[in-house]
């Protein structure tokens, strides 16, 4: 199933509108091209409604906020909802500042997101900010480990159910849940954290996957997460003496470019809970 999701992206070439982090915008575009999608970038309020209208999906990333881009996010998100397009939220840095936290929470109040993807601290901030986390859930650890996996799975399931969206928590162990099932994914390399924007890239790619697999959003998100993690593993084996994080970034994108469904099925490391 996960390999089929990747193959469907390559077959359908989904067009994705990205309102994304200025730090990583070029890499997001290249990862979308590498996985078989097609990127468009625009955050201008006078432009976003038209751009989102011609796309199948919208990726909203709050990593570099300003008043203009925030306005554009709400306009694009509401237009995408109106057209029944797939929409993803990447709440980068939610919890780090009042602007980021309040913007993310308000976006979730006014826009229906098919997927919310972030690290566990960002997702906890959203859960607390939207009033959907109580008791033991609020005490879930800030890193998903084998020792706290049960409580982390419970947390992501509860949050996903409460917002009626697929939630992806990414880190050393990735969790992807629709409120009923949870993929526990163990692909990836520690050195991926030394590259700026692998999470931003994953959000862009995930949007393409859910557009190409509209009836299997949970599996599509799990497939995208496994694809990124496996690409990190493959890229690591191709590093040579003298290579650094810049080369590693390029090798990850190359690994995605060359990956097919069969390779993904063989290399994906996950369990369902």
Foldseek 3Di string as FASTA:
>chain_A
DLQVLLVLLQVPQFEEEEAEDPVCVVLLQLLCVLSRHHYDYDQALVPQLVVLVVGQEYEYECNDDDPRSLNSLLNNQVSCVVVVGAYEYELPCQVVDPVSVVSVLVCLVRGQHQEYEYAPVNVLSNCVSNVQDDDPLNVQDRHQDPVRPVSVQVNLLSSLVVSQHWYWHDDCWIWTYNNPKIKTWRFADPCVVVAPDLRVSLSSNLRSSCSSVVPCSRSSSLSSNLLLRNLLVVLVVVDDPPDDDVSSSVSSSVSSSPDGSVNSVVRTDIDMD
